[in-house]
Amino acid sequence: MKRRDFLKGSMAIPALASIGGLSLSSFTTDDKNVKHITILHTNDVHSYIDPFPADHPKNPNMGGVSRRATLIDEIRKENPNVLLVDAGDIFQGTPYFNYYGGELEFKLMSMMKYDFATLGNHDFDNGIDGFYAQLPHATFEFVSANYDFKNTVLNGHVKPYKTKTIDGVKIGIFGLGVELDGLVDKKNYKETVYNDPIEVATDMARILKHQEKCDLVICLSHIGFKYKDEPNKPSDLLLAKKTKDIDLIIGGHTHTFLDKPIIEKNLDGKDVLVNQVGCYGLNLGRIDFYVTSDKKIASQGKSIIV
């Protein structure tokens, strides 16, 4: 879908999925035995702090951190059980990054109370040392499972995965990054080792679902939604099809505007939600999960214009 066509009518039809064999119509969402978890997400914001100007030809008067913060606050008032995440490329795109080196982006995300983020290729644009220097400004945590940082300054500061329990629902979240060779100067990522994201995701999902006993497994992916000309190149859609135990893939890198999550079947024939909300902070993704006392799950999702 072209961005312009999407923006004309994207208050979004919710996508309904029955991840655990349950549909939303099979129970009432105000049932006290049903836990309601809201996932809010962004990707490829690229240092866009201010709204687009009113005379912008494509995105007039859209986006902006203050508006996103207001939306997030409104949703938290509606449902306090919120997980807020970002799928990478926080940096690079406006003079704010050139001047402050990422400090402003991390401080604003901390004020909005982001929980987790993963690294995109542009998050290395000031070098791995530049990224490391900004970490004190981030109150949220970074996850990346297929970048091996053990011989870099990020060793121990970026975890392969993390878990968080919200209202009794245990959520496991891990990150995946795109191949850096050819996208990022070697001197910027230094001794960072890239590992195959689908192989790594297979292990991560197994650990989170079966060892950590997570009710929901979420992947923050910066590998791209899909590649028409390179169907075997790692992508979110390929990841969903070639793995199991992942409930939601939140994507980035390809600036793909989806008005609602795509539903793919995994290796076990179960539904996986895949979502991405374009770029530049123009949209905020929202996925609502409903988890019953016997751990059956239903969900709905949409993209909200900022």
C-alpha atoms as a PDB file:
ATOM      1  CA  MET A   1       0.000   0.000   0.000  1.00  0.00           C
ATOM      2  CA  LYS A   2       1.349   3.420  -0.913  1.00  0.00           C
ATOM      3  CA  ARG A   3       1.950   5.751   2.019  1.00  0.00           C
ATOM      4  CA  ARG A   4      -0.441   8.380   0.637  1.00  0.00           C
ATOM      5  CA  ASP A   5      -3.282   5.870   0.219  1.00  0.00           C
ATOM      6  CA  PHE A   6      -2.648   4.547   3.704  1.00  0.00           C
ATOM      7  CA  LEU A   7      -2.645   7.974   5.311  1.00  0.00           C
ATOM      8  CA  LYS A   8      -5.990   8.880   3.754  1.00  0.00           C
ATOM      9  CA  GLY A   9      -7.863   6.257   5.682  1.00  0.00           C
ATOM     10  CA  SER A  10      -5.765   4.670   8.322  1.00  0.00           C
ATOM     11  CA  MET A  11      -7.675   4.993  11.546  1.00  0.00           C
ATOM     12  CA  ALA A  12      -7.440   1.293  10.954  1.00  0.00           C
ATOM     13  CA  ILE A  13      -9.736  -1.665  10.910  1.00  0.00           C
ATOM     14  CA  PRO A  14      -8.684  -3.854  13.840  1.00  0.00           C
ATOM     15  CA  ALA A  15      -7.129  -7.190  12.938  1.00  0.00           C
ATOM     16  CA  LEU A  16      -8.478 -10.043  15.024  1.00  0.00           C
ATOM     17  CA  ALA A  17      -6.368 -13.093  15.728  1.00  0.00           C
ATOM     18  CA  SER A  18      -6.882 -16.229  17.776  1.00  0.00           C
ATOM     19  CA  ILE A  19      -3.313 -16.979  18.796  1.00  0.00           C
ATOM     20  CA  GLY A  20      -4.352 -19.613  21.297  1.00  0.00           C
ATOM     21  CA  GLY A  21      -7.434 -20.902  19.518  1.00  0.00           C
ATOM     22  CA  LEU A  22      -9.616 -18.142  20.986  1.00  0.00           C
ATOM     23  CA  SER A  23     -11.444 -15.325  19.243  1.00  0.00           C
ATOM     24  CA  LEU A  24     -12.507 -12.045  20.819  1.00  0.00           C
ATOM     25  CA  SER A  25     -16.126 -12.920  20.193  1.00  0.00           C
ATOM     26  CA  SER A  26     -15.862 -15.968  22.463  1.00  0.00           C
ATOM     27  CA  PHE A  27     -15.628 -13.976  25.686  1.00  0.00           C
ATOM     28  CA  THR A  28     -16.320 -10.525  27.084  1.00  0.00           C
ATOM     29  CA  THR A  29     -13.235  -8.353  27.404  1.00  0.00           C
ATOM     30  CA  ASP A  30     -14.498  -6.856  30.667  1.00  0.00           C
ATOM     31  CA  ASP A  31     -14.405 -10.298  32.301  1.00  0.00           C
ATOM     32  CA  LYS A  32     -12.289  -9.994  35.454  1.00  0.00           C
ATOM     33  CA  ASN A  33     -10.581 -13.292  34.622  1.00  0.00           C
ATOM     34  CA  VAL A  34      -9.321 -11.850  31.336  1.00  0.00           C
ATOM     35  CA  LYS A  35      -6.087  -9.843  31.485  1.00  0.00           C
ATOM     36  CA  HIS A  36      -5.855  -6.979  29.000  1.00  0.00           C
ATOM     37  CA  ILE A  37      -2.319  -6.036  27.886  1.00  0.00           C
ATOM     38  CA  THR A  38      -1.729  -3.172  25.436  1.00  0.00           C
ATOM     39  CA  ILE A  39       1.463  -3.094  23.362  1.00  0.00           C
ATOM     40  CA  LEU A  40       2.327   0.329  21.930  1.00  0.00           C
ATOM     41  CA  HIS A  41       5.165   0.570  19.430  1.00  0.00           C
ATOM     42  CA  THR A  42       7.177   2.772  17.101  1.00  0.00           C
ATOM     43  CA  ASN A  43       9.985   2.194  14.607  1.00  0.00           C
ATOM     44  CA  ASP A  44      12.352   4.227  12.437  1.00  0.00           C
ATOM     45  CA  VAL A  45      11.547   7.515  14.155  1.00  0.00           C
ATOM     46  CA  HIS A  46      14.917   8.837  12.895  1.00  0.00           C
ATOM     47  CA  SER A  47      15.234  11.778  15.308  1.00  0.00           C
ATOM     48  CA  TYR A  48      11.974  13.384  14.169  1.00  0.00           C
ATOM     49  CA  ILE A  49      11.149  15.378  17.296  1.00  0.00           C
ATOM     50  CA  ASP A  50       8.930  18.116  15.852  1.00  0.00           C
ATOM     51  CA  PRO A  51       5.740  17.675  13.808  1.00  0.00           C
ATOM     52  CA  PHE A  52       6.001  18.061  10.057  1.00  0.00           C
ATOM     53  CA  PRO A  53       5.241  21.650   8.960  1.00  0.00           C
ATOM     54  CA  ALA A  54       1.718  22.545   7.887  1.00  0.00           C
ATOM     55  CA  ASP A  55       2.840  23.083   4.292  1.00  0.00           C
ATOM     56  CA  HIS A  56       4.639  19.722   3.960  1.00  0.00           C
ATOM     57  CA  PRO A  57       3.520  18.066   0.668  1.00  0.00           C
ATOM     58  CA  LYS A  58       3.127  14.534   2.080  1.00  0.00           C
ATOM     59  CA  ASN A  59       2.732  14.705   5.856  1.00  0.00           C
ATOM     60  CA  PRO A  60       1.356  18.153   6.722  1.00  0.00           C
ATOM     61  CA  ASN A  61       1.138  18.883  10.446  1.00  0.00           C
ATOM     62  CA  MET A  62       1.691  15.230  11.360  1.00  0.00           C
ATOM     63  CA  GLY A  63       3.874  13.448  13.899  1.00  0.00           C
ATOM     64  CA  GLY A  64       5.863  15.019  16.698  1.00  0.00           C
ATOM     65  CA  VAL A  65       6.970  13.689  20.079  1.00  0.00           C
ATOM     66  CA  SER A  66       4.580  15.850  22.131  1.00  0.00           C
ATOM     67  CA  ARG A  67       1.550  14.464  20.288  1.00  0.00           C
ATOM     68  CA  ARG A  68       2.807  10.915  20.622  1.00  0.00           C
ATOM     69  CA  ALA A  69       3.322  11.459  24.346  1.00  0.00           C
ATOM     70  CA  THR A  70      -0.252  12.741  24.681  1.00  0.00           C
ATOM     71  CA  LEU A  71      -1.612   9.700  22.851  1.00  0.00           C
ATOM     72  CA  ILE A  72       0.400   7.350  25.048  1.00  0.00           C
ATOM     73  CA  ASP A  73      -0.832   9.076  28.207  1.00  0.00           C
ATOM     74  CA  GLU A  74      -4.448   8.815  27.037  1.00  0.00           C
ATOM     75  CA  ILE A  75      -4.073   5.098  26.331  1.00  0.00           C
ATOM     76  CA  ARG A  76      -2.423   4.504  29.716  1.00  0.00           C
ATOM     77  CA  LYS A  77      -5.417   6.163  31.404  1.00  0.00           C
ATOM     78  CA  GLU A  78      -7.693   3.793  29.495  1.00  0.00           C
ATOM     79  CA  ASN A  79      -5.564   0.738  30.322  1.00  0.00           C
ATOM     80  CA  PRO A  80      -2.603   0.989  32.713  1.00  0.00           C
ATOM     81  CA  ASN A  81      -1.229  -2.385  31.549  1.00  0.00           C
ATOM     82  CA  VAL A  82       0.896  -0.952  28.729  1.00  0.00           C
ATOM     83  CA  LEU A  83       4.216  -2.089  27.264  1.00  0.00           C
ATOM     84  CA  LEU A  84       5.870   0.618  25.111  1.00  0.00           C
ATOM     85  CA  VAL A  85       8.629  -0.453  22.714  1.00  0.00           C
ATOM     86  CA  ASP A  86      10.647   0.688  19.693  1.00  0.00           C
ATOM     87  CA  ALA A  87      12.066  -1.408  16.837  1.00  0.00           C
ATOM     88  CA  GLY A  88      15.168   0.617  16.042  1.00  0.00           C
ATOM     89  CA  ASP A  89      16.618   3.471  13.989  1.00  0.00           C
ATOM     90  CA  ILE A  90      15.955   5.921  16.780  1.00  0.00           C
ATOM     91  CA  PHE A  91      18.867   8.029  15.500  1.00  0.00           C
ATOM     92  CA  GLN A  92      19.722   9.972  12.335  1.00  0.00           C
ATOM     93  CA  GLY A  93      17.453  12.097  10.187  1.00  0.00           C
ATOM     94  CA  THR A  94      17.233  15.605  11.620  1.00  0.00           C
ATOM     95  CA  PRO A  95      19.684  18.202  12.992  1.00  0.00           C
ATOM     96  CA  TYR A  96      18.685  17.187  16.517  1.00  0.00           C
ATOM     97  CA  PHE A  97      20.803  14.069  16.110  1.00  0.00           C
ATOM     98  CA  ASN A  98      23.683  15.906  14.448  1.00  0.00           C
ATOM     99  CA  TYR A  99      23.802  18.407  17.308  1.00  0.00           C
ATOM    100  CA  TYR A 100      22.965  16.319  20.389  1.00  0.00           C
ATOM    101  CA  GLY A 101      24.201  12.893  19.246  1.00  0.00           C
ATOM    102  CA  GLY A 102      21.140  10.992  20.475  1.00  0.00           C
ATOM    103  CA  GLU A 103      20.861  12.524  23.936  1.00  0.00           C
ATOM    104  CA  LEU A 104      17.557  14.248  23.178  1.00  0.00           C
ATOM    105  CA  GLU A 105      15.991  11.140  21.631  1.00  0.00           C
ATOM    106  CA  PHE A 106      16.842   8.973  24.642  1.00  0.00           C
ATOM    107  CA  LYS A 107      15.703  11.602  27.140  1.00  0.00           C
ATOM    108  CA  LEU A 108      12.341  12.033  25.407  1.00  0.00           C
ATOM    109  CA  MET A 109      11.774   8.288  25.126  1.00  0.00           C
ATOM    110  CA  SER A 110      12.590   7.999  28.833  1.00  0.00           C
ATOM    111  CA  MET A 111      10.045  10.721  29.625  1.00  0.00           C
ATOM    112  CA  MET A 112       7.436   8.755  27.641  1.00  0.00           C
ATOM    113  CA  LYS A 113       8.408   5.701  29.714  1.00  0.00           C
ATOM    114  CA  TYR A 114       9.499   3.369  26.941  1.00  0.00           C
ATOM    115  CA  ASP A 115      10.205  -0.114  28.286  1.00  0.00           C
ATOM    116  CA  PHE A 116      12.423  -1.673  25.606  1.00  0.00           C
ATOM    117  CA  ALA A 117      14.038  -0.957  22.249  1.00  0.00           C
ATOM    118  CA  THR A 118      16.308  -2.720  19.798  1.00  0.00           C
ATOM    119  CA  LEU A 119      19.109  -1.298  17.654  1.00  0.00           C
ATOM    120  CA  GLY A 120      18.730  -0.370  14.010  1.00  0.00           C
ATOM    121  CA  ASN A 121      21.614   0.139  11.617  1.00  0.00           C
ATOM    122  CA  HIS A 122      21.417   3.949  11.964  1.00  0.00           C
ATOM    123  CA  ASP A 123      21.820   3.669  15.724  1.00  0.00           C
ATOM    124  CA  PHE A 124      25.491   2.981  14.913  1.00  0.00           C
ATOM    125  CA  ASP A 125      25.888   6.252  12.969  1.00  0.00           C
ATOM    126  CA  ASN A 126      27.915   7.890  15.746  1.00  0.00           C
ATOM    127  CA  GLY A 127      29.799   4.658  16.229  1.00  0.00           C
ATOM    128  CA  ILE A 128      29.283   2.054  18.907  1.00  0.00           C
ATOM    129  CA  ASP A 129      31.126   4.333  21.350  1.00  0.00           C
ATOM    130  CA  GLY A 130      28.746   7.183  20.519  1.00  0.00           C
ATOM    131  CA  PHE A 131      25.763   4.949  21.224  1.00  0.00           C
ATOM    132  CA  TYR A 132      27.308   3.782  24.474  1.00  0.00           C
ATOM    133  CA  ALA A 133      27.932   7.381  25.555  1.00  0.00           C
ATOM    134  CA  GLN A 134      24.193   8.127  25.327  1.00  0.00           C
ATOM    135  CA  LEU A 135      23.004   5.113  27.352  1.00  0.00           C
ATOM    136  CA  PRO A 136      22.983   7.030  30.677  1.00  0.00           C
ATOM    137  CA  HIS A 137      20.145   9.120  29.204  1.00  0.00           C
ATOM    138  CA  ALA A 138      17.971   6.026  28.596  1.00  0.00           C
ATOM    139  CA  THR A 139      15.858   4.653  31.439  1.00  0.00           C
ATOM    140  CA  PHE A 140      14.606   1.883  29.130  1.00  0.00           C
ATOM    141  CA  GLU A 141      16.540  -1.236  28.144  1.00  0.00           C
ATOM    142  CA  PHE A 142      17.964  -2.427  24.828  1.00  0.00           C
ATOM    143  CA  VAL A 143      17.601  -5.995  23.580  1.00  0.00           C
ATOM    144  CA  SER A 144      19.426  -7.590  20.664  1.00  0.00           C
ATOM    145  CA  ALA A 145      19.924 -11.324  20.350  1.00  0.00           C
ATOM    146  CA  ASN A 146      21.732 -11.710  17.025  1.00  0.00           C
ATOM    147  CA  TYR A 147      24.324  -8.963  17.537  1.00  0.00           C
ATOM    148  CA  ASP A 148      27.157 -10.375  19.637  1.00  0.00           C
ATOM    149  CA  PHE A 149      28.632  -7.433  21.536  1.00  0.00           C
ATOM    150  CA  LYS A 150      31.012  -9.405  23.764  1.00  0.00           C
ATOM    151  CA  ASN A 151      34.168  -7.702  22.401  1.00  0.00           C
ATOM    152  CA  THR A 152      32.673  -4.200  22.455  1.00  0.00           C
ATOM    153  CA  VAL A 153      31.741  -1.527  25.006  1.00  0.00           C
ATOM    154  CA  LEU A 154      28.106  -2.664  24.774  1.00  0.00           C
ATOM    155  CA  ASN A 155      28.905  -6.049  26.301  1.00  0.00           C
ATOM    156  CA  GLY A 156      26.506  -6.512  29.207  1.00  0.00           C
ATOM    157  CA  HIS A 157      24.574  -3.332  28.398  1.00  0.00           C
ATOM    158  CA  VAL A 158      22.474  -4.843  25.603  1.00  0.00           C
ATOM    159  CA  LYS A 159      20.784  -8.106  26.567  1.00  0.00           C
ATOM    160  CA  PRO A 160      19.611 -10.832  24.145  1.00  0.00           C
ATOM    161  CA  TYR A 161      16.197 -10.821  25.828  1.00  0.00           C
ATOM    162  CA  LYS A 162      14.319  -9.549  28.849  1.00  0.00           C
ATOM    163  CA  THR A 163      11.100 -10.522  30.592  1.00  0.00           C
ATOM    164  CA  LYS A 164       8.497  -8.334  32.250  1.00  0.00           C
ATOM    165  CA  THR A 165       5.341  -9.330  34.098  1.00  0.00           C
ATOM    166  CA  ILE A 166       2.339  -7.020  33.722  1.00  0.00           C
ATOM    167  CA  ASP A 167      -0.847  -7.787  35.666  1.00  0.00           C
ATOM    168  CA  GLY A 168       0.211 -11.403  36.058  1.00  0.00           C
ATOM    169  CA  VAL A 169       1.019 -11.877  32.361  1.00  0.00           C
ATOM    170  CA  LYS A 170       4.683 -12.752  31.772  1.00  0.00           C
ATOM    171  CA  ILE A 171       6.039 -11.182  28.571  1.00  0.00           C
ATOM    172  CA  GLY A 172       9.321 -12.180  26.950  1.00  0.00           C
ATOM    173  CA  ILE A 173      10.903  -9.764  24.517  1.00  0.00           C
ATOM    174  CA  PHE A 174      13.990 -10.134  22.332  1.00  0.00           C
ATOM    175  CA  GLY A 175      15.602  -8.095  19.567  1.00  0.00           C
ATOM    176  CA  LEU A 176      16.950  -8.799  16.086  1.00  0.00           C
ATOM    177  CA  GLY A 177      19.098  -6.577  13.882  1.00  0.00           C
ATOM    178  CA  VAL A 178      19.855  -6.378  10.174  1.00  0.00           C
ATOM    179  CA  GLU A 179      23.187  -7.412   8.616  1.00  0.00           C
ATOM    180  CA  LEU A 180      25.527  -4.476   9.260  1.00  0.00           C
ATOM    181  CA  ASP A 181      28.136  -5.264   6.605  1.00  0.00           C
ATOM    182  CA  GLY A 182      27.411  -3.026   3.618  1.00  0.00           C
ATOM    183  CA  LEU A 183      25.048  -0.776   5.585  1.00  0.00           C
ATOM    184  CA  VAL A 184      27.344   0.498   8.334  1.00  0.00           C
ATOM    185  CA  ASP A 185      31.025   1.404   8.205  1.00  0.00           C
ATOM    186  CA  LYS A 186      33.065  -1.265   9.980  1.00  0.00           C
ATOM    187  CA  LYS A 187      34.739   1.348  12.170  1.00  0.00           C
ATOM    188  CA  ASN A 188      31.299   2.250  13.555  1.00  0.00           C
ATOM    189  CA  TYR A 189      30.265  -1.215  14.700  1.00  0.00           C
ATOM    190  CA  LYS A 190      33.812  -2.477  15.379  1.00  0.00           C
ATOM    191  CA  GLU A 191      33.846  -6.071  16.714  1.00  0.00           C
ATOM    192  CA  THR A 192      30.074  -6.528  16.723  1.00  0.00           C
ATOM    193  CA  VAL A 193      29.297  -9.957  15.255  1.00  0.00           C
ATOM    194  CA  TYR A 194      26.111 -10.494  13.237  1.00  0.00           C
ATOM    195  CA  ASN A 195      24.422 -13.893  13.552  1.00  0.00           C
ATOM    196  CA  ASP A 196      21.597 -15.300  11.447  1.00  0.00           C
ATOM    197  CA  PRO A 197      18.388 -13.766  12.859  1.00  0.00           C
ATOM    198  CA  ILE A 198      16.080 -16.700  12.105  1.00  0.00           C
ATOM    199  CA  GLU A 199      18.412 -19.230  13.736  1.00  0.00           C
ATOM    200  CA  VAL A 200      18.823 -16.979  16.775  1.00  0.00           C
ATOM    201  CA  ALA A 201      15.072 -16.296  16.974  1.00  0.00           C
ATOM    202  CA  THR A 202      14.370 -20.029  17.021  1.00  0.00           C
ATOM    203  CA  ASP A 203      16.496 -20.363  20.162  1.00  0.00           C
ATOM    204  CA  MET A 204      15.177 -17.194  21.779  1.00  0.00           C
ATOM    205  CA  ALA A 205      11.529 -18.147  21.305  1.00  0.00           C
ATOM    206  CA  ARG A 206      12.137 -21.626  22.716  1.00  0.00           C
ATOM    207  CA  ILE A 207      13.906 -20.220  25.772  1.00  0.00           C
ATOM    208  CA  LEU A 208      11.253 -17.595  26.434  1.00  0.00           C
ATOM    209  CA  LYS A 209       8.233 -19.841  25.902  1.00  0.00           C
ATOM    210  CA  HIS A 210       9.455 -23.083  27.452  1.00  0.00           C
ATOM    211  CA  GLN A 211      12.241 -22.210  29.895  1.00  0.00           C
ATOM    212  CA  GLU A 212      11.091 -18.777  31.043  1.00  0.00           C
ATOM    213  CA  LYS A 213       7.418 -19.852  30.748  1.00  0.00           C
ATOM    214  CA  CYS A 214       6.346 -16.585  29.116  1.00  0.00           C
ATOM    215  CA  ASP A 215       2.691 -16.124  28.236  1.00  0.00           C
ATOM    216  CA  LEU A 216       3.563 -13.777  25.360  1.00  0.00           C
ATOM    217  CA  VAL A 217       6.735 -13.754  23.253  1.00  0.00           C
ATOM    218  CA  ILE A 218       7.494 -10.561  21.324  1.00  0.00           C
ATOM    219  CA  CYS A 219      10.290  -9.951  18.823  1.00  0.00           C
ATOM    220  CA  LEU A 220      11.538  -6.412  18.195  1.00  0.00           C
ATOM    221  CA  SER A 221      12.883  -6.776  14.677  1.00  0.00           C
ATOM    222  CA  HIS A 222      14.962  -4.405  12.594  1.00  0.00           C
ATOM    223  CA  ILE A 223      15.487  -6.836   9.714  1.00  0.00           C
ATOM    224  CA  GLY A 224      12.740  -5.528   7.400  1.00  0.00           C
ATOM    225  CA  PHE A 225       9.167  -6.530   6.578  1.00  0.00           C
ATOM    226  CA  LYS A 226       9.786  -8.396   3.299  1.00  0.00           C
ATOM    227  CA  TYR A 227      11.990  -8.286   0.189  1.00  0.00           C
ATOM    228  CA  LYS A 228      10.226  -9.004  -3.102  1.00  0.00           C
ATOM    229  CA  ASP A 229      13.425  -9.370  -5.107  1.00  0.00           C
ATOM    230  CA  GLU A 230      15.200 -11.394  -2.400  1.00  0.00           C
ATOM    231  CA  PRO A 231      12.589 -13.814  -1.039  1.00  0.00           C
ATOM    232  CA  ASN A 232      15.170 -15.769   0.982  1.00  0.00           C
ATOM    233  CA  LYS A 233      16.640 -12.706   2.673  1.00  0.00           C
ATOM    234  CA  PRO A 234      15.742 -12.665   6.386  1.00  0.00           C
ATOM    235  CA  SER A 235      12.567 -10.626   6.907  1.00  0.00           C
ATOM    236  CA  ASP A 236       9.708 -10.393   9.363  1.00  0.00           C
ATOM    237  CA  LEU A 237       7.356 -12.462   7.203  1.00  0.00           C
ATOM    238  CA  LEU A 238      10.004 -15.154   6.716  1.00  0.00           C
ATOM    239  CA  LEU A 239      10.755 -15.076  10.442  1.00  0.00           C
ATOM    240  CA  ALA A 240       7.101 -15.671  11.278  1.00  0.00           C
ATOM    241  CA  LYS A 241       6.866 -18.622   8.880  1.00  0.00           C
ATOM    242  CA  LYS A 242      10.136 -20.310   9.846  1.00  0.00           C
ATOM    243  CA  THR A 243       9.862 -20.208  13.641  1.00  0.00           C
ATOM    244  CA  LYS A 244       7.467 -21.177  16.401  1.00  0.00           C
ATOM    245  CA  ASP A 245       6.461 -19.762  19.795  1.00  0.00           C
ATOM    246  CA  ILE A 246       6.574 -16.089  18.718  1.00  0.00           C
ATOM    247  CA  ASP A 247       3.262 -14.290  19.236  1.00  0.00           C
ATOM    248  CA  LEU A 248       4.102 -10.847  17.852  1.00  0.00           C
ATOM    249  CA  ILE A 249       6.818  -9.434  15.582  1.00  0.00           C
ATOM    250  CA  ILE A 250       7.170  -5.655  15.738  1.00  0.00           C
ATOM    251  CA  GLY A 251       9.221  -4.628  12.734  1.00  0.00           C
ATOM    252  CA  GLY A 252      11.353  -1.825  11.389  1.00  0.00           C
ATOM    253  CA  HIS A 253      13.981  -0.949   8.774  1.00  0.00           C
ATOM    254  CA  THR A 254      11.840  -1.031   5.604  1.00  0.00           C
ATOM    255  CA  HIS A 255       9.576   1.889   6.638  1.00  0.00           C
ATOM    256  CA  THR A 256       6.528  -0.245   5.865  1.00  0.00           C
ATOM    257  CA  PHE A 257       3.174   1.391   6.609  1.00  0.00           C
ATOM    258  CA  LEU A 258       0.637  -1.203   7.741  1.00  0.00           C
ATOM    259  CA  ASP A 259      -2.845  -0.103   8.776  1.00  0.00           C
ATOM    260  CA  LYS A 260      -3.216  -3.275  10.833  1.00  0.00           C
ATOM    261  CA  PRO A 261      -1.056  -6.294  11.678  1.00  0.00           C
ATOM    262  CA  ILE A 262      -0.461  -9.008   9.110  1.00  0.00           C
ATOM    263  CA  ILE A 263      -1.288 -12.511  10.341  1.00  0.00           C
ATOM    264  CA  GLU A 264       1.103 -15.286   9.280  1.00  0.00           C
ATOM    265  CA  LYS A 265       1.168 -18.994  10.163  1.00  0.00           C
ATOM    266  CA  ASN A 266       4.244 -20.307  11.958  1.00  0.00           C
ATOM    267  CA  LEU A 267       5.833 -23.763  11.675  1.00  0.00           C
ATOM    268  CA  ASP A 268       3.111 -25.175  13.942  1.00  0.00           C
ATOM    269  CA  GLY A 269       0.317 -23.578  11.918  1.00  0.00           C
ATOM    270  CA  LYS A 270      -0.386 -21.032  14.666  1.00  0.00           C
ATOM    271  CA  ASP A 271      -1.016 -17.338  14.097  1.00  0.00           C
ATOM    272  CA  VAL A 272       1.794 -14.795  14.415  1.00  0.00           C
ATOM    273  CA  LEU A 273       1.039 -11.074  14.303  1.00  0.00           C
ATOM    274  CA  VAL A 274       3.493  -8.942  12.293  1.00  0.00           C
ATOM    275  CA  ASN A 275       3.250  -5.164  12.446  1.00  0.00           C
ATOM    276  CA  GLN A 276       5.222  -2.087  11.400  1.00  0.00           C
ATOM    277  CA  VAL A 277       4.125   1.560  11.464  1.00  0.00           C
ATOM    278  CA  GLY A 278       6.178   3.268   8.788  1.00  0.00           C
ATOM    279  CA  CYS A 279       8.646   5.907   9.974  1.00  0.00           C
ATOM    280  CA  TYR A 280       9.308   9.388  11.389  1.00  0.00           C
ATOM    281  CA  GLY A 281       6.841   9.045  14.266  1.00  0.00           C
ATOM    282  CA  LEU A 282       3.872   9.505  11.927  1.00  0.00           C
ATOM    283  CA  ASN A 283       2.024   6.591  13.522  1.00  0.00           C
ATOM    284  CA  LEU A 284       1.784   4.720  16.795  1.00  0.00           C
ATOM    285  CA  GLY A 285       1.140   0.989  16.645  1.00  0.00           C
ATOM    286  CA  ARG A 286      -1.290  -0.560  19.106  1.00  0.00           C
ATOM    287  CA  ILE A 287      -1.826  -4.273  19.762  1.00  0.00           C
ATOM    288  CA  ASP A 288      -4.271  -5.370  22.472  1.00  0.00           C
ATOM    289  CA  PHE A 289      -3.864  -8.856  23.902  1.00  0.00           C
ATOM    290  CA  TYR A 290      -6.510 -10.559  26.006  1.00  0.00           C
ATOM    291  CA  VAL A 291      -5.244 -13.454  28.104  1.00  0.00           C
ATOM    292  CA  THR A 292      -7.608 -15.807  29.932  1.00  0.00           C
ATOM    293  CA  SER A 293      -6.882 -17.572  33.210  1.00  0.00           C
ATOM    294  CA  ASP A 294      -6.023 -20.759  31.286  1.00  0.00           C
ATOM    295  CA  LYS A 295      -3.600 -18.743  29.093  1.00  0.00           C
ATOM    296  CA  LYS A 296      -5.636 -18.668  25.920  1.00  0.00           C
ATOM    297  CA  ILE A 297      -4.974 -15.520  23.946  1.00  0.00           C
ATOM    298  CA  ALA A 298      -6.875 -13.279  21.561  1.00  0.00           C
ATOM    299  CA  SER A 299      -5.739  -9.986  20.081  1.00  0.00           C
ATOM    300  CA  GLN A 300      -6.637  -7.005  17.963  1.00  0.00           C
ATOM    301  CA  GLY A 301      -4.408  -4.356  16.429  1.00  0.00           C
ATOM    302  CA  LYS A 302      -4.417  -1.033  14.598  1.00  0.00           C
ATOM    303  CA  SER A 303      -2.232   1.882  13.604  1.00  0.00           C
ATOM    304  CA  ILE A 304      -3.015   5.302  15.066  1.00  0.00           C
ATOM    305  CA  ILE A 305      -2.140   8.445  13.121  1.00  0.00           C
ATOM    306  CA  VAL A 306      -0.146  10.932  15.208  1.00  0.00           C
END
